[in-house]
Amino acid sequence: MTGAEIYEARKQFFNDSAEKWIDLWYRDPETGRQDKHAKDFERLFSLLPLKTGDSVLDAGCGTGVLVPYLLHAVGVSGTIYELDFAARMIEINRRLHRAANIRFLAADVENAPLERQSCDAAVCFSCFPHFSDKERAIEALAGLLKPRGILAIAHFASAEGINAHHKTCAAVRHDRLPEEGAMRKMIAGRGFAIEAFIDEEGFYYLQARKKT
């Protein structure tokens, strides 16, 4: 497959999966509630240095599983940008979340329709392996962040676990999370200082701060 064919297959997969996405990955089969990863989200948001009034880009947001936590973190004076390349994900996200301080954007992260240096933080949750051009994505995110803005990349699995899982799905079998050395080099080389790196079973977290 060509790069363009891989991209279109990936986008089609996420559009087709959008309606069932939250139930598929976040529903506890024992309770029926969508709180399977409640403790993981608690840990994630204990690490993310967000504050009231921040403008946050939720890159690769899907149907908005982070939205309630982001709203709590930034308050009514903050702004959340929900961005995803799959229009169906954004459609469902908009239907589920009605807060006035959310902006919904259907676009690739490399072409996010936002002003430069407009965000205090950019969060890539459970999406970084799916960016077609990861170096361009990091460059784009760096441009959108204010000086000393935060970039966070997170998953509820280790890099090894993520990559093994993706191999089992034809639509995303090419989508990999680079190993630690490559991630550090790619991010540090684009004007960031890495502040935290966790890669363990069940949790992955990279936090970097844009240099002034």
N, C-alpha and C. Protein backbone atom coordinates (compact mmCIF):
# COMPACT_ATOMS: atom_id res chain seq x y z
N MET A 1 0.83 -1.21 0.00
CA MET A 1 0.00 0.00 0.00
C MET A 1 0.87 1.26 0.00
N THR A 2 0.42 2.26 -0.71
CA THR A 2 1.11 3.54 -0.69
C THR A 2 0.78 4.29 0.60
N GLY A 3 1.55 5.34 0.87
CA GLY A 3 1.28 6.15 2.05
C GLY A 3 -0.12 6.72 2.04
N ALA A 4 -0.57 7.15 0.85
CA ALA A 4 -1.91 7.73 0.73
C ALA A 4 -2.98 6.67 1.00
N GLU A 5 -2.76 5.46 0.54
CA GLU A 5 -3.73 4.38 0.76
C GLU A 5 -3.78 3.99 2.24
N ILE A 6 -2.62 3.97 2.90
CA ILE A 6 -2.59 3.67 4.33
C ILE A 6 -3.36 4.73 5.10
N TYR A 7 -3.14 6.00 4.74
CA TYR A 7 -3.83 7.12 5.39
C TYR A 7 -5.34 6.99 5.25
N GLU A 8 -5.82 6.71 4.03
CA GLU A 8 -7.26 6.63 3.80
C GLU A 8 -7.86 5.42 4.51
N ALA A 9 -7.14 4.31 4.55
CA ALA A 9 -7.64 3.13 5.26
C ALA A 9 -7.74 3.41 6.76
N ARG A 10 -6.76 4.11 7.28
CA ARG A 10 -6.76 4.48 8.70
C ARG A 10 -7.95 5.40 9.00
N LYS A 11 -8.14 6.40 8.19
CA LYS A 11 -9.24 7.34 8.41
C LYS A 11 -10.59 6.63 8.33
N GLN A 12 -10.74 5.75 7.36
CA GLN A 12 -11.99 5.01 7.21
C GLN A 12 -12.26 4.13 8.44
N PHE A 13 -11.20 3.52 8.95
CA PHE A 13 -11.33 2.68 10.14
C PHE A 13 -11.86 3.48 11.32
N PHE A 14 -11.30 4.65 11.54
CA PHE A 14 -11.74 5.46 12.69
C PHE A 14 -13.13 6.04 12.48
N ASN A 15 -13.45 6.43 11.28
CA ASN A 15 -14.82 6.89 11.01
C ASN A 15 -15.82 5.77 11.25
N ASP A 16 -15.49 4.57 10.77
CA ASP A 16 -16.41 3.44 10.91
C ASP A 16 -16.55 3.00 12.37
N SER A 17 -15.52 3.23 13.18
CA SER A 17 -15.52 2.77 14.58
C SER A 17 -16.06 3.82 15.55
N ALA A 18 -16.31 5.02 15.08
CA ALA A 18 -16.59 6.14 15.97
C ALA A 18 -17.80 5.90 16.88
N GLU A 19 -18.87 5.39 16.33
CA GLU A 19 -20.12 5.24 17.10
C GLU A 19 -19.93 4.34 18.32
N LYS A 20 -19.08 3.35 18.21
CA LYS A 20 -18.92 2.38 19.30
C LYS A 20 -17.61 2.56 20.07
N TRP A 21 -16.86 3.62 19.77
CA TRP A 21 -15.49 3.74 20.27
C TRP A 21 -15.40 3.76 21.80
N ILE A 22 -16.19 4.58 22.44
CA ILE A 22 -16.09 4.69 23.90
C ILE A 22 -16.52 3.39 24.58
N ASP A 23 -17.59 2.79 24.10
CA ASP A 23 -18.01 1.51 24.68
C ASP A 23 -16.96 0.44 24.46
N LEU A 24 -16.32 0.46 23.30
CA LEU A 24 -15.35 -0.57 22.95
C LEU A 24 -14.13 -0.54 23.87
N TRP A 25 -13.66 0.67 24.21
CA TRP A 25 -12.39 0.79 24.93
C TRP A 25 -12.50 1.27 26.37
N TYR A 26 -13.64 1.86 26.74
CA TYR A 26 -13.72 2.48 28.06
C TYR A 26 -14.88 1.95 28.91
N ARG A 27 -15.65 1.05 28.39
CA ARG A 27 -16.77 0.47 29.14
C ARG A 27 -16.29 -0.71 29.97
N ASP A 28 -16.60 -0.69 31.25
CA ASP A 28 -16.27 -1.81 32.14
C ASP A 28 -17.28 -2.92 31.89
N PRO A 29 -16.87 -4.08 31.42
CA PRO A 29 -17.83 -5.15 31.10
C PRO A 29 -18.57 -5.68 32.32
N GLU A 30 -18.00 -5.50 33.50
CA GLU A 30 -18.65 -6.01 34.72
C GLU A 30 -19.73 -5.07 35.22
N THR A 31 -19.50 -3.76 35.11
CA THR A 31 -20.47 -2.80 35.65
C THR A 31 -21.34 -2.16 34.58
N GLY A 32 -20.86 -2.19 33.33
CA GLY A 32 -21.58 -1.53 32.25
C GLY A 32 -21.32 -0.04 32.18
N ARG A 33 -20.56 0.49 33.13
CA ARG A 33 -20.24 1.92 33.13
C ARG A 33 -19.00 2.19 32.29
N GLN A 34 -18.91 3.42 31.81
CA GLN A 34 -17.78 3.79 30.95
C GLN A 34 -16.64 4.33 31.81
N ASP A 35 -16.24 3.54 32.80
CA ASP A 35 -15.21 3.97 33.73
C ASP A 35 -14.11 2.92 33.90
N LYS A 36 -13.89 2.14 32.86
CA LYS A 36 -12.90 1.07 32.92
C LYS A 36 -11.52 1.60 33.31
N HIS A 37 -11.17 2.80 32.83
CA HIS A 37 -9.84 3.36 33.07
C HIS A 37 -9.87 4.55 34.02
N ALA A 38 -10.81 4.56 34.94
CA ALA A 38 -10.94 5.71 35.84
C ALA A 38 -9.64 5.99 36.60
N LYS A 39 -8.99 4.96 37.12
CA LYS A 39 -7.75 5.15 37.87
C LYS A 39 -6.63 5.62 36.96
N ASP A 40 -6.61 5.16 35.71
CA ASP A 40 -5.59 5.60 34.76
C ASP A 40 -5.77 7.08 34.42
N PHE A 41 -7.02 7.50 34.23
CA PHE A 41 -7.27 8.92 33.96
C PHE A 41 -6.89 9.78 35.17
N GLU A 42 -7.18 9.27 36.35
CA GLU A 42 -6.79 10.00 37.56
C GLU A 42 -5.27 10.19 37.60
N ARG A 43 -4.55 9.15 37.28
CA ARG A 43 -3.09 9.25 37.26
C ARG A 43 -2.62 10.22 36.18
N LEU A 44 -3.19 10.11 35.01
CA LEU A 44 -2.79 10.99 33.91
C LEU A 44 -2.98 12.45 34.28
N PHE A 45 -4.12 12.79 34.82
CA PHE A 45 -4.40 14.19 35.11
C PHE A 45 -3.73 14.67 36.40
N SER A 46 -3.19 13.75 37.19
CA SER A 46 -2.35 14.17 38.31
C SER A 46 -0.97 14.58 37.80
N LEU A 47 -0.59 14.09 36.63
CA LEU A 47 0.71 14.41 36.04
C LEU A 47 0.66 15.64 35.14
N LEU A 48 -0.45 15.82 34.45
CA LEU A 48 -0.57 16.94 33.51
C LEU A 48 -0.64 18.28 34.26
N PRO A 49 0.27 19.20 33.97
CA PRO A 49 0.27 20.48 34.69
C PRO A 49 -0.66 21.50 34.05
N LEU A 50 -1.96 21.21 34.09
CA LEU A 50 -2.96 22.13 33.55
C LEU A 50 -3.51 23.01 34.66
N LYS A 51 -3.97 24.20 34.28
CA LYS A 51 -4.51 25.12 35.30
C LYS A 51 -5.72 25.85 34.74
N THR A 52 -6.48 26.43 35.62
CA THR A 52 -7.66 27.20 35.24
C THR A 52 -7.29 28.27 34.23
N GLY A 53 -8.10 28.35 33.17
CA GLY A 53 -7.88 29.36 32.14
C GLY A 53 -7.01 28.93 31.00
N ASP A 54 -6.41 27.75 31.07
CA ASP A 54 -5.54 27.28 29.98
C ASP A 54 -6.33 27.01 28.70
N SER A 55 -5.64 27.17 27.58
CA SER A 55 -6.15 26.73 26.28
C SER A 55 -5.43 25.44 25.94
N VAL A 56 -6.21 24.36 25.71
CA VAL A 56 -5.63 23.04 25.53
C VAL A 56 -6.09 22.43 24.21
N LEU A 57 -5.13 21.95 23.43
CA LEU A 57 -5.44 21.20 22.22
C LEU A 57 -5.47 19.72 22.55
N ASP A 58 -6.62 19.09 22.34
CA ASP A 58 -6.79 17.65 22.49
C ASP A 58 -6.62 17.05 21.11
N ALA A 59 -5.37 16.74 20.76
CA ALA A 59 -5.04 16.30 19.40
C ALA A 59 -5.37 14.82 19.24
N GLY A 60 -6.04 14.47 18.14
CA GLY A 60 -6.47 13.09 17.96
C GLY A 60 -7.49 12.72 19.01
N CYS A 61 -8.45 13.61 19.22
CA CYS A 61 -9.37 13.53 20.37
C CYS A 61 -10.39 12.41 20.29
N GLY A 62 -10.64 11.88 19.09
CA GLY A 62 -11.69 10.88 18.96
C GLY A 62 -13.04 11.45 19.37
N THR A 63 -13.82 10.66 20.09
CA THR A 63 -15.15 11.11 20.49
C THR A 63 -15.14 11.87 21.82
N GLY A 64 -13.93 12.20 22.32
CA GLY A 64 -13.85 13.12 23.45
C GLY A 64 -13.77 12.50 24.82
N VAL A 65 -13.08 11.39 24.95
CA VAL A 65 -13.01 10.74 26.26
C VAL A 65 -12.30 11.62 27.29
N LEU A 66 -11.42 12.52 26.84
CA LEU A 66 -10.72 13.41 27.77
C LEU A 66 -11.53 14.63 28.17
N VAL A 67 -12.58 14.94 27.44
CA VAL A 67 -13.28 16.21 27.62
C VAL A 67 -13.70 16.49 29.07
N PRO A 68 -14.36 15.57 29.77
CA PRO A 68 -14.77 15.88 31.15
C PRO A 68 -13.60 16.24 32.05
N TYR A 69 -12.48 15.56 31.87
CA TYR A 69 -11.30 15.83 32.69
C TYR A 69 -10.67 17.17 32.31
N LEU A 70 -10.63 17.47 31.03
CA LEU A 70 -10.08 18.75 30.59
C LEU A 70 -10.94 19.92 31.07
N LEU A 71 -12.26 19.76 30.98
CA LEU A 71 -13.16 20.81 31.46
C LEU A 71 -12.94 21.08 32.94
N HIS A 72 -12.78 20.02 33.70
CA HIS A 72 -12.53 20.18 35.14
C HIS A 72 -11.21 20.90 35.38
N ALA A 73 -10.20 20.61 34.56
CA ALA A 73 -8.86 21.18 34.77
C ALA A 73 -8.79 22.65 34.40
N VAL A 74 -9.43 23.05 33.31
CA VAL A 74 -9.26 24.43 32.82
C VAL A 74 -10.40 25.35 33.23
N GLY A 75 -11.52 24.79 33.66
CA GLY A 75 -12.64 25.60 34.09
C GLY A 75 -13.34 26.32 32.95
N VAL A 76 -14.31 27.13 33.30
CA VAL A 76 -15.11 27.82 32.27
C VAL A 76 -14.33 28.93 31.59
N SER A 77 -13.22 29.36 32.20
CA SER A 77 -12.41 30.42 31.59
C SER A 77 -11.37 29.87 30.62
N GLY A 78 -11.21 28.56 30.58
CA GLY A 78 -10.29 27.94 29.65
C GLY A 78 -10.96 27.60 28.33
N THR A 79 -10.16 27.13 27.38
CA THR A 79 -10.68 26.72 26.07
C THR A 79 -10.10 25.36 25.71
N ILE A 80 -10.96 24.50 25.18
CA ILE A 80 -10.53 23.18 24.73
C ILE A 80 -10.76 23.07 23.23
N TYR A 81 -9.72 22.69 22.52
CA TYR A 81 -9.81 22.46 21.08
C TYR A 81 -9.80 20.94 20.85
N GLU A 82 -10.93 20.42 20.39
CA GLU A 82 -11.06 18.99 20.09
C GLU A 82 -10.79 18.79 18.60
N LEU A 83 -9.67 18.15 18.30
CA LEU A 83 -9.23 18.01 16.92
C LEU A 83 -9.03 16.55 16.55
N ASP A 84 -9.59 16.14 15.42
CA ASP A 84 -9.39 14.78 14.92
C ASP A 84 -9.54 14.79 13.40
N PHE A 85 -8.79 13.90 12.75
CA PHE A 85 -8.88 13.85 11.29
C PHE A 85 -10.09 13.06 10.81
N ALA A 86 -10.74 12.32 11.71
CA ALA A 86 -11.92 11.54 11.36
C ALA A 86 -13.17 12.36 11.67
N ALA A 87 -13.85 12.81 10.63
CA ALA A 87 -14.99 13.71 10.80
C ALA A 87 -16.10 13.08 11.63
N ARG A 88 -16.27 11.77 11.53
CA ARG A 88 -17.32 11.10 12.30
C ARG A 88 -17.01 11.14 13.80
N MET A 89 -15.75 11.03 14.15
CA MET A 89 -15.36 11.16 15.56
C MET A 89 -15.74 12.54 16.08
N ILE A 90 -15.46 13.57 15.31
CA ILE A 90 -15.78 14.93 15.72
C ILE A 90 -17.29 15.13 15.81
N GLU A 91 -18.03 14.54 14.89
CA GLU A 91 -19.49 14.65 14.91
C GLU A 91 -20.07 14.09 16.20
N ILE A 92 -19.60 12.91 16.62
CA ILE A 92 -20.10 12.30 17.84
C ILE A 92 -19.61 13.06 19.07
N ASN A 93 -18.38 13.51 19.03
CA ASN A 93 -17.82 14.31 20.11
C ASN A 93 -18.67 15.56 20.35
N ARG A 94 -19.02 16.23 19.28
CA ARG A 94 -19.85 17.44 19.38
C ARG A 94 -21.22 17.12 19.96
N ARG A 95 -21.76 15.98 19.59
CA ARG A 95 -23.07 15.57 20.09
C ARG A 95 -23.04 15.28 21.59
N LEU A 96 -21.92 14.73 22.06
CA LEU A 96 -21.81 14.33 23.46
C LEU A 96 -21.42 15.47 24.39
N HIS A 97 -20.76 16.49 23.86
CA HIS A 97 -20.18 17.52 24.71
C HIS A 97 -20.65 18.90 24.24
N ARG A 98 -21.35 19.60 25.13
CA ARG A 98 -22.04 20.84 24.74
C ARG A 98 -21.48 22.08 25.42
N ALA A 99 -20.40 21.96 26.17
CA ALA A 99 -19.88 23.12 26.88
C ALA A 99 -19.51 24.22 25.90
N ALA A 100 -19.76 25.46 26.30
CA ALA A 100 -19.56 26.61 25.41
C ALA A 100 -18.09 26.88 25.10
N ASN A 101 -17.18 26.38 25.94
CA ASN A 101 -15.76 26.66 25.72
C ASN A 101 -15.01 25.54 25.01
N ILE A 102 -15.75 24.71 24.26
CA ILE A 102 -15.13 23.68 23.42
C ILE A 102 -15.24 24.10 21.97
N ARG A 103 -14.15 23.94 21.23
CA ARG A 103 -14.14 24.18 19.79
C ARG A 103 -13.82 22.85 19.10
N PHE A 104 -14.60 22.51 18.08
CA PHE A 104 -14.44 21.23 17.39
C PHE A 104 -13.82 21.45 16.01
N LEU A 105 -12.77 20.68 15.72
CA LEU A 105 -12.00 20.88 14.50
C LEU A 105 -11.75 19.53 13.82
N ALA A 106 -12.20 19.38 12.59
CA ALA A 106 -11.93 18.17 11.82
C ALA A 106 -10.76 18.46 10.89
N ALA A 107 -9.57 17.98 11.28
CA ALA A 107 -8.36 18.26 10.50
C ALA A 107 -7.23 17.37 11.01
N ASP A 108 -6.21 17.21 10.18
CA ASP A 108 -4.98 16.57 10.62
C ASP A 108 -4.24 17.50 11.57
N VAL A 109 -3.50 16.91 12.49
CA VAL A 109 -2.75 17.74 13.43
C VAL A 109 -1.72 18.60 12.72
N GLU A 110 -1.17 18.10 11.60
CA GLU A 110 -0.17 18.89 10.86
C GLU A 110 -0.77 20.15 10.26
N ASN A 111 -2.09 20.16 10.08
CA ASN A 111 -2.77 21.30 9.46
C ASN A 111 -3.86 21.86 10.37
N ALA A 112 -3.64 21.81 11.66
CA ALA A 112 -4.64 22.30 12.61
C ALA A 112 -4.93 23.79 12.36
N PRO A 113 -6.19 24.15 12.18
CA PRO A 113 -6.55 25.54 11.87
C PRO A 113 -6.59 26.41 13.12
N LEU A 114 -5.43 26.57 13.74
CA LEU A 114 -5.29 27.38 14.96
C LEU A 114 -4.15 28.37 14.77
N GLU A 115 -4.23 29.46 15.51
CA GLU A 115 -3.17 30.46 15.43
C GLU A 115 -1.89 29.94 16.11
N ARG A 116 -0.76 30.40 15.63
CA ARG A 116 0.51 30.04 16.26
C ARG A 116 0.55 30.55 17.69
N GLN A 117 1.17 29.75 18.54
CA GLN A 117 1.36 30.08 19.95
C GLN A 117 0.02 30.44 20.64
N SER A 118 -0.99 29.65 20.33
CA SER A 118 -2.32 29.91 20.89
C SER A 118 -2.69 28.95 22.01
N CYS A 119 -1.87 27.93 22.26
CA CYS A 119 -2.22 26.90 23.24
C CYS A 119 -1.20 26.82 24.37
N ASP A 120 -1.72 26.61 25.57
CA ASP A 120 -0.85 26.39 26.72
C ASP A 120 -0.38 24.94 26.81
N ALA A 121 -1.17 24.03 26.24
CA ALA A 121 -0.83 22.61 26.29
C ALA A 121 -1.44 21.90 25.09
N ALA A 122 -0.76 20.85 24.67
CA ALA A 122 -1.27 19.95 23.63
C ALA A 122 -1.16 18.53 24.16
N VAL A 123 -2.27 17.83 24.18
CA VAL A 123 -2.31 16.46 24.69
C VAL A 123 -2.61 15.51 23.54
N CYS A 124 -1.74 14.54 23.37
CA CYS A 124 -1.94 13.49 22.36
C CYS A 124 -2.21 12.20 23.12
N PHE A 125 -3.48 11.90 23.35
CA PHE A 125 -3.83 10.71 24.12
C PHE A 125 -4.27 9.60 23.18
N SER A 126 -3.57 8.49 23.25
CA SER A 126 -3.93 7.29 22.50
C SER A 126 -4.04 7.55 21.00
N CYS A 127 -3.13 8.37 20.48
CA CYS A 127 -3.24 8.72 19.06
C CYS A 127 -1.90 8.89 18.35
N PHE A 128 -0.81 9.11 19.07
CA PHE A 128 0.45 9.48 18.41
C PHE A 128 0.90 8.47 17.36
N PRO A 129 0.76 7.15 17.57
CA PRO A 129 1.18 6.21 16.53
C PRO A 129 0.44 6.39 15.22
N HIS A 130 -0.75 6.99 15.26
CA HIS A 130 -1.57 7.12 14.06
C HIS A 130 -1.25 8.36 13.24
N PHE A 131 -0.36 9.22 13.70
CA PHE A 131 0.03 10.38 12.91
C PHE A 131 0.90 9.90 11.75
N SER A 132 0.52 10.26 10.53
CA SER A 132 1.23 9.77 9.34
C SER A 132 2.68 10.23 9.33
N ASP A 133 2.90 11.49 9.64
CA ASP A 133 4.25 12.06 9.66
C ASP A 133 4.49 12.61 11.06
N LYS A 134 5.11 11.81 11.89
CA LYS A 134 5.27 12.17 13.30
C LYS A 134 6.17 13.38 13.49
N GLU A 135 7.19 13.52 12.68
CA GLU A 135 8.07 14.67 12.81
C GLU A 135 7.34 15.96 12.45
N ARG A 136 6.56 15.94 11.39
CA ARG A 136 5.76 17.11 11.03
C ARG A 136 4.71 17.41 12.09
N ALA A 137 4.16 16.38 12.67
CA ALA A 137 3.16 16.58 13.73
C ALA A 137 3.79 17.29 14.93
N ILE A 138 4.98 16.86 15.34
CA ILE A 138 5.66 17.50 16.46
C ILE A 138 5.99 18.95 16.12
N GLU A 139 6.44 19.20 14.91
CA GLU A 139 6.75 20.57 14.49
C GLU A 139 5.49 21.44 14.53
N ALA A 140 4.37 20.88 14.06
CA ALA A 140 3.12 21.63 14.06
C ALA A 140 2.68 21.94 15.49
N LEU A 141 2.79 20.97 16.36
CA LEU A 141 2.39 21.17 17.75
C LEU A 141 3.30 22.21 18.43
N ALA A 142 4.57 22.17 18.12
CA ALA A 142 5.50 23.16 18.67
C ALA A 142 5.10 24.56 18.24
N GLY A 143 4.66 24.71 17.00
CA GLY A 143 4.24 26.01 16.52
C GLY A 143 2.97 26.51 17.17
N LEU A 144 2.10 25.61 17.58
CA LEU A 144 0.83 25.99 18.21
C LEU A 144 0.97 26.32 19.68
N LEU A 145 2.04 25.83 20.29
CA LEU A 145 2.22 26.04 21.72
C LEU A 145 2.89 27.37 22.03
N LYS A 146 2.46 27.96 23.12
CA LYS A 146 3.13 29.16 23.63
C LYS A 146 4.50 28.78 24.18
N PRO A 147 5.42 29.75 24.31
CA PRO A 147 6.68 29.45 24.99
C PRO A 147 6.42 28.85 26.37
N ARG A 148 7.11 27.77 26.68
CA ARG A 148 6.95 27.00 27.91
C ARG A 148 5.65 26.22 27.94
N GLY A 149 5.00 26.10 26.79
CA GLY A 149 3.81 25.26 26.70
C GLY A 149 4.16 23.79 26.83
N ILE A 150 3.17 23.01 27.22
CA ILE A 150 3.36 21.59 27.52
C ILE A 150 2.86 20.71 26.37
N LEU A 151 3.69 19.74 25.98
CA LEU A 151 3.29 18.66 25.08
C LEU A 151 3.25 17.37 25.89
N ALA A 152 2.13 16.66 25.83
CA ALA A 152 2.01 15.39 26.54
C ALA A 152 1.53 14.32 25.57
N ILE A 153 2.19 13.17 25.61
CA ILE A 153 1.82 12.01 24.80
C ILE A 153 1.55 10.87 25.78
N ALA A 154 0.35 10.30 25.72
CA ALA A 154 -0.03 9.32 26.74
C ALA A 154 -0.82 8.17 26.14
N HIS A 155 -0.68 7.01 26.77
CA HIS A 155 -1.43 5.80 26.43
C HIS A 155 -1.66 5.01 27.70
N PHE A 156 -2.67 4.18 27.69
CA PHE A 156 -2.89 3.26 28.79
C PHE A 156 -2.38 1.87 28.42
N ALA A 157 -1.16 1.85 27.94
CA ALA A 157 -0.42 0.62 27.62
C ALA A 157 1.02 1.03 27.43
N SER A 158 1.92 0.09 27.51
CA SER A 158 3.32 0.37 27.22
C SER A 158 3.51 0.52 25.71
N ALA A 159 4.66 1.06 25.31
CA ALA A 159 4.96 1.15 23.88
C ALA A 159 4.95 -0.24 23.24
N GLU A 160 5.53 -1.20 23.94
CA GLU A 160 5.55 -2.57 23.42
C GLU A 160 4.13 -3.11 23.25
N GLY A 161 3.29 -2.86 24.25
CA GLY A 161 1.92 -3.35 24.18
C GLY A 161 1.12 -2.68 23.07
N ILE A 162 1.32 -1.39 22.90
CA ILE A 162 0.62 -0.66 21.84
C ILE A 162 1.00 -1.21 20.47
N ASN A 163 2.30 -1.36 20.25
CA ASN A 163 2.76 -1.82 18.94
C ASN A 163 2.31 -3.24 18.65
N ALA A 164 2.30 -4.09 19.66
CA ALA A 164 1.81 -5.46 19.48
C ALA A 164 0.33 -5.47 19.14
N HIS A 165 -0.44 -4.62 19.82
CA HIS A 165 -1.87 -4.54 19.56
C HIS A 165 -2.15 -4.07 18.13
N HIS A 166 -1.44 -3.06 17.69
CA HIS A 166 -1.69 -2.51 16.36
C HIS A 166 -1.41 -3.54 15.26
N LYS A 167 -0.48 -4.43 15.50
CA LYS A 167 -0.17 -5.47 14.51
C LYS A 167 -1.36 -6.37 14.23
N THR A 168 -2.31 -6.42 15.17
CA THR A 168 -3.44 -7.33 15.02
C THR A 168 -4.58 -6.73 14.20
N CYS A 169 -4.47 -5.45 13.83
CA CYS A 169 -5.54 -4.77 13.10
C CYS A 169 -5.01 -4.27 11.78
N ALA A 170 -5.58 -4.74 10.68
CA ALA A 170 -5.06 -4.42 9.35
C ALA A 170 -5.01 -2.92 9.09
N ALA A 171 -6.01 -2.18 9.57
CA ALA A 171 -6.09 -0.75 9.25
C ALA A 171 -5.00 0.07 9.92
N VAL A 172 -4.46 -0.42 11.04
CA VAL A 172 -3.45 0.35 11.77
C VAL A 172 -2.17 -0.44 12.00
N ARG A 173 -1.96 -1.48 11.22
CA ARG A 173 -0.79 -2.33 11.47
C ARG A 173 0.53 -1.61 11.21
N HIS A 174 0.48 -0.51 10.45
CA HIS A 174 1.69 0.27 10.19
C HIS A 174 1.95 1.33 11.27
N ASP A 175 1.04 1.49 12.20
CA ASP A 175 1.10 2.59 13.15
C ASP A 175 1.84 2.16 14.42
N ARG A 176 3.01 2.74 14.62
CA ARG A 176 3.85 2.32 15.73
C ARG A 176 4.25 3.51 16.59
N LEU A 177 4.44 3.25 17.86
CA LEU A 177 4.99 4.22 18.78
C LEU A 177 6.50 4.01 18.81
N PRO A 178 7.29 4.99 18.39
CA PRO A 178 8.75 4.80 18.34
C PRO A 178 9.33 4.48 19.70
N GLU A 179 10.49 3.82 19.68
CA GLU A 179 11.14 3.47 20.94
C GLU A 179 11.65 4.74 21.62
N GLU A 180 12.01 4.60 22.89
CA GLU A 180 12.31 5.77 23.72
C GLU A 180 13.38 6.69 23.12
N GLY A 181 14.47 6.11 22.65
CA GLY A 181 15.54 6.94 22.10
C GLY A 181 15.08 7.77 20.93
N ALA A 182 14.31 7.17 20.04
CA ALA A 182 13.81 7.89 18.87
C ALA A 182 12.83 8.98 19.27
N MET A 183 11.98 8.69 20.25
CA MET A 183 11.03 9.70 20.73
C MET A 183 11.76 10.89 21.34
N ARG A 184 12.73 10.60 22.19
CA ARG A 184 13.48 11.69 22.82
C ARG A 184 14.19 12.55 21.78
N LYS A 185 14.81 11.92 20.81
CA LYS A 185 15.54 12.66 19.78
C LYS A 185 14.60 13.51 18.95
N MET A 186 13.46 12.95 18.56
CA MET A 186 12.51 13.65 17.71
C MET A 186 11.93 14.87 18.43
N ILE A 187 11.62 14.72 19.69
CA ILE A 187 10.96 15.80 20.43
C ILE A 187 11.98 16.85 20.89
N ALA A 188 13.11 16.39 21.41
CA ALA A 188 14.14 17.34 21.85
C ALA A 188 14.69 18.14 20.67
N GLY A 189 14.71 17.53 19.49
CA GLY A 189 15.22 18.21 18.31
C GLY A 189 14.29 19.26 17.74
N ARG A 190 13.11 19.40 18.32
CA ARG A 190 12.14 20.38 17.83
C ARG A 190 11.77 21.40 18.89
N GLY A 191 12.75 21.70 19.73
CA GLY A 191 12.59 22.81 20.65
C GLY A 191 11.91 22.50 21.96
N PHE A 192 11.93 21.23 22.38
CA PHE A 192 11.31 20.83 23.63
C PHE A 192 12.36 20.31 24.61
N ALA A 193 12.09 20.51 25.88
CA ALA A 193 12.85 19.87 26.95
C ALA A 193 11.97 18.80 27.57
N ILE A 194 12.41 17.56 27.55
CA ILE A 194 11.61 16.46 28.10
C ILE A 194 11.70 16.49 29.62
N GLU A 195 10.53 16.49 30.25
CA GLU A 195 10.44 16.59 31.71
C GLU A 195 10.05 15.27 32.38
N ALA A 196 9.40 14.39 31.65
CA ALA A 196 8.98 13.11 32.23
C ALA A 196 8.85 12.08 31.13
N PHE A 197 9.24 10.86 31.44
CA PHE A 197 9.07 9.74 30.51
C PHE A 197 8.78 8.49 31.32
N ILE A 198 7.59 7.95 31.13
CA ILE A 198 7.17 6.72 31.80
C ILE A 198 6.73 5.73 30.72
N ASP A 199 7.29 4.54 30.75
CA ASP A 199 6.89 3.49 29.81
C ASP A 199 6.86 2.18 30.59
N GLU A 200 5.68 1.83 31.06
CA GLU A 200 5.53 0.63 31.87
C GLU A 200 4.25 -0.09 31.47
N GLU A 201 4.09 -1.29 31.91
CA GLU A 201 2.89 -2.04 31.57
C GLU A 201 1.65 -1.28 32.02
N GLY A 202 0.77 -0.96 31.07
CA GLY A 202 -0.47 -0.30 31.41
C GLY A 202 -0.43 1.22 31.42
N PHE A 203 0.76 1.81 31.18
CA PHE A 203 0.82 3.27 31.24
C PHE A 203 2.06 3.80 30.50
N TYR A 204 1.80 4.80 29.65
CA TYR A 204 2.88 5.48 28.92
C TYR A 204 2.63 6.97 29.02
N TYR A 205 3.67 7.71 29.37
CA TYR A 205 3.50 9.16 29.51
C TYR A 205 4.81 9.87 29.20
N LEU A 206 4.76 10.76 28.23
CA LEU A 206 5.89 11.62 27.90
C LEU A 206 5.43 13.07 28.03
N GLN A 207 6.14 13.83 28.82
CA GLN A 207 5.84 15.25 28.98
C GLN A 207 7.05 16.08 28.58
N ALA A 208 6.82 17.07 27.73
CA ALA A 208 7.90 17.95 27.29
C ALA A 208 7.42 19.39 27.34
N ARG A 209 8.36 20.29 27.58
CA ARG A 209 8.01 21.71 27.66
C ARG A 209 8.73 22.47 26.54
N LYS A 210 7.99 23.31 25.84
CA LYS A 210 8.58 24.10 24.77
C LYS A 210 9.54 25.12 25.36
N LYS A 211 10.71 25.18 24.78
CA LYS A 211 11.72 26.12 25.26
C LYS A 211 11.34 27.54 24.85
N THR A 212 11.80 28.50 25.60
CA THR A 212 11.52 29.91 25.29
C THR A 212 12.47 30.41 24.22
